[in-house]
Amino acid sequence: MRLGPWAGRAGPPRYAGALLPEPDLPRLPRPPRA
């Protein structure tokens, strides 16, 4: 759900291939485990 609005505002594929995998991976496993 976060990828939808976030990627829509970013527009360029550079963020989806560079900022998504790095900040998204550590953020997803952290909330569910906590």
PDB file of N, CA and C in Angstrom:
ATOM      1  N   MET A   1       0.847  -1.210   0.000  1.00  0.00           N
ATOM      2  CA  MET A   1       0.000   0.000   0.000  1.00  0.00           C
ATOM      3  C   MET A   1       0.882   1.260   0.000  1.00  0.00           C
ATOM      4  N   ARG A   2       1.985   1.196   0.704  1.00  0.00           N
ATOM      5  CA  ARG A   2       2.879   2.369   0.757  1.00  0.00           C
ATOM      6  C   ARG A   2       3.569   2.585  -0.586  1.00  0.00           C
ATOM      7  N   LEU A   3       3.779   1.498  -1.325  1.00  0.00           N
ATOM      8  CA  LEU A   3       4.484   1.625  -2.613  1.00  0.00           C
ATOM      9  C   LEU A   3       3.609   2.387  -3.612  1.00  0.00           C
ATOM     10  N   GLY A   4       2.311   2.238  -3.527  1.00  0.00           N
ATOM     11  CA  GLY A   4       1.394   2.913  -4.462  1.00  0.00           C
ATOM     12  C   GLY A   4       1.546   4.421  -4.424  1.00  0.00           C
ATOM     13  N   PRO A   5       1.219   5.046  -3.296  1.00  0.00           N
ATOM     14  CA  PRO A   5       1.272   6.516  -3.186  1.00  0.00           C
ATOM     15  C   PRO A   5       2.702   7.027  -3.240  1.00  0.00           C
ATOM     16  N   TRP A   6       3.629   6.296  -2.674  1.00  0.00           N
ATOM     17  CA  TRP A   6       5.032   6.742  -2.646  1.00  0.00           C
ATOM     18  C   TRP A   6       5.613   6.733  -4.060  1.00  0.00           C
ATOM     19  N   ALA A   7       5.413   5.621  -4.769  1.00  0.00           N
ATOM     20  CA  ALA A   7       5.966   5.508  -6.128  1.00  0.00           C
ATOM     21  C   ALA A   7       5.281   6.512  -7.051  1.00  0.00           C
ATOM     22  N   GLY A   8       4.002   6.772  -6.819  1.00  0.00           N
ATOM     23  CA  GLY A   8       3.262   7.725  -7.662  1.00  0.00           C
ATOM     24  C   GLY A   8       3.861   9.114  -7.544  1.00  0.00           C
ATOM     25  N   ARG A   9       4.241   9.518  -6.344  1.00  0.00           N
ATOM     26  CA  ARG A   9       4.813  10.863  -6.150  1.00  0.00           C
ATOM     27  C   ARG A   9       6.237  10.922  -6.684  1.00  0.00           C
ATOM     28  N   ALA A  10       6.978   9.822  -6.511  1.00  0.00           N
ATOM     29  CA  ALA A  10       8.376   9.792  -6.963  1.00  0.00           C
ATOM     30  C   ALA A  10       8.411   9.918  -8.484  1.00  0.00           C
ATOM     31  N   GLY A  11       7.620   9.099  -9.179  1.00  0.00           N
ATOM     32  CA  GLY A  11       7.565   9.181 -10.637  1.00  0.00           C
ATOM     33  C   GLY A  11       8.704   8.407 -11.279  1.00  0.00           C
ATOM     34  N   PRO A  12       9.935   8.850 -11.115  1.00  0.00           N
ATOM     35  CA  PRO A  12      11.092   8.212 -11.766  1.00  0.00           C
ATOM     36  C   PRO A  12      11.352   6.821 -11.205  1.00  0.00           C
ATOM     37  N   PRO A  13      11.786   5.875 -12.054  1.00  0.00           N
ATOM     38  CA  PRO A  13      12.070   4.493 -11.633  1.00  0.00           C
ATOM     39  C   PRO A  13      13.351   4.410 -10.815  1.00  0.00           C
ATOM     40  N   ARG A  14      14.120   5.491 -10.788  1.00  0.00           N
ATOM     41  CA  ARG A  14      15.400   5.472 -10.044  1.00  0.00           C
ATOM     42  C   ARG A  14      15.135   5.265  -8.553  1.00  0.00           C
ATOM     43  N   TYR A  15      14.102   5.917  -8.033  1.00  0.00           N
ATOM     44  CA  TYR A  15      13.806   5.790  -6.597  1.00  0.00           C
ATOM     45  C   TYR A  15      13.284   4.384  -6.277  1.00  0.00           C
ATOM     46  N   ALA A  16      12.476   3.850  -7.186  1.00  0.00           N
ATOM     47  CA  ALA A  16      11.867   2.533  -6.947  1.00  0.00           C
ATOM     48  C   ALA A  16      12.934   1.434  -6.995  1.00  0.00           C
ATOM     49  N   GLY A  17      14.038   1.681  -7.656  1.00  0.00           N
ATOM     50  CA  GLY A  17      15.092   0.653  -7.791  1.00  0.00           C
ATOM     51  C   GLY A  17      16.236   0.906  -6.820  1.00  0.00           C
ATOM     52  N   ALA A  18      16.296   2.093  -6.221  1.00  0.00           N
ATOM     53  CA  ALA A  18      17.432   2.415  -5.344  1.00  0.00           C
ATOM     54  C   ALA A  18      16.948   2.692  -3.916  1.00  0.00           C
ATOM     55  N   LEU A  19      15.901   3.505  -3.767  1.00  0.00           N
ATOM     56  CA  LEU A  19      15.443   3.871  -2.418  1.00  0.00           C
ATOM     57  C   LEU A  19      14.450   2.842  -1.868  1.00  0.00           C
ATOM     58  N   LEU A  20      13.716   2.166  -2.750  1.00  0.00           N
ATOM     59  CA  LEU A  20      12.711   1.212  -2.263  1.00  0.00           C
ATOM     60  C   LEU A  20      13.346  -0.034  -1.634  1.00  0.00           C
ATOM     61  N   PRO A  21      14.240  -0.713  -2.337  1.00  0.00           N
ATOM     62  CA  PRO A  21      14.848  -1.946  -1.819  1.00  0.00           C
ATOM     63  C   PRO A  21      15.649  -1.706  -0.547  1.00  0.00           C
ATOM     64  N   GLU A  22      16.318  -0.586  -0.432  1.00  0.00           N
ATOM     65  CA  GLU A  22      17.153  -0.337   0.763  1.00  0.00           C
ATOM     66  C   GLU A  22      16.311   0.039   1.985  1.00  0.00           C
ATOM     67  N   PRO A  23      15.578   1.149   1.939  1.00  0.00           N
ATOM     68  CA  PRO A  23      14.784   1.608   3.087  1.00  0.00           C
ATOM     69  C   PRO A  23      13.517   0.771   3.290  1.00  0.00           C
ATOM     70  N   ASP A  24      13.008   0.173   2.231  1.00  0.00           N
ATOM     71  CA  ASP A  24      11.773  -0.602   2.339  1.00  0.00           C
ATOM     72  C   ASP A  24      12.018  -1.949   3.030  1.00  0.00           C
ATOM     73  N   LEU A  25      13.135  -2.604   2.713  1.00  0.00           N
ATOM     74  CA  LEU A  25      13.423  -3.918   3.297  1.00  0.00           C
ATOM     75  C   LEU A  25      13.557  -3.841   4.817  1.00  0.00           C
ATOM     76  N   PRO A  26      14.354  -2.920   5.329  1.00  0.00           N
ATOM     77  CA  PRO A  26      14.550  -2.803   6.781  1.00  0.00           C
ATOM     78  C   PRO A  26      13.303  -2.292   7.495  1.00  0.00           C
ATOM     79  N   ARG A  27      12.474  -1.548   6.824  1.00  0.00           N
ATOM     80  CA  ARG A  27      11.271  -0.988   7.466  1.00  0.00           C
ATOM     81  C   ARG A  27      10.155  -2.040   7.541  1.00  0.00           C
ATOM     82  N   LEU A  28      10.063  -2.915   6.563  1.00  0.00           N
ATOM     83  CA  LEU A  28       8.987  -3.916   6.555  1.00  0.00           C
ATOM     84  C   LEU A  28       9.173  -4.961   7.667  1.00  0.00           C
ATOM     85  N   PRO A  29      10.358  -5.546   7.803  1.00  0.00           N
ATOM     86  CA  PRO A  29      10.603  -6.582   8.824  1.00  0.00           C
ATOM     87  C   PRO A  29      10.635  -6.015  10.235  1.00  0.00           C
ATOM     88  N   ARG A  30      10.834  -4.736  10.395  1.00  0.00           N
ATOM     89  CA  ARG A  30      10.930  -4.150  11.745  1.00  0.00           C
ATOM     90  C   ARG A  30       9.547  -4.025  12.411  1.00  0.00           C
ATOM     91  N   PRO A  31       8.562  -3.425  11.766  1.00  0.00           N
ATOM     92  CA  PRO A  31       7.230  -3.242  12.367  1.00  0.00           C
ATOM     93  C   PRO A  31       6.534  -4.570  12.689  1.00  0.00           C
ATOM     94  N   PRO A  32       6.529  -5.545  11.795  1.00  0.00           N
ATOM     95  CA  PRO A  32       5.840  -6.824  12.040  1.00  0.00           C
ATOM     96  C   PRO A  32       6.461  -7.582  13.209  1.00  0.00           C
ATOM     97  N   ARG A  33       7.778  -7.499  13.376  1.00  0.00           N
ATOM     98  CA  ARG A  33       8.453  -8.235  14.464  1.00  0.00           C
ATOM     99  C   ARG A  33       8.203  -7.530  15.795  1.00  0.00           C
ATOM    100  N   ALA A  34       8.180  -6.203  15.782  1.00  0.00           N
ATOM    101  CA  ALA A  34       7.991  -5.447  17.032  1.00  0.00           C
ATOM    102  C   ALA A  34       6.565  -5.704  17.546  1.00  0.00           C
TER     103      ALA A  34
END
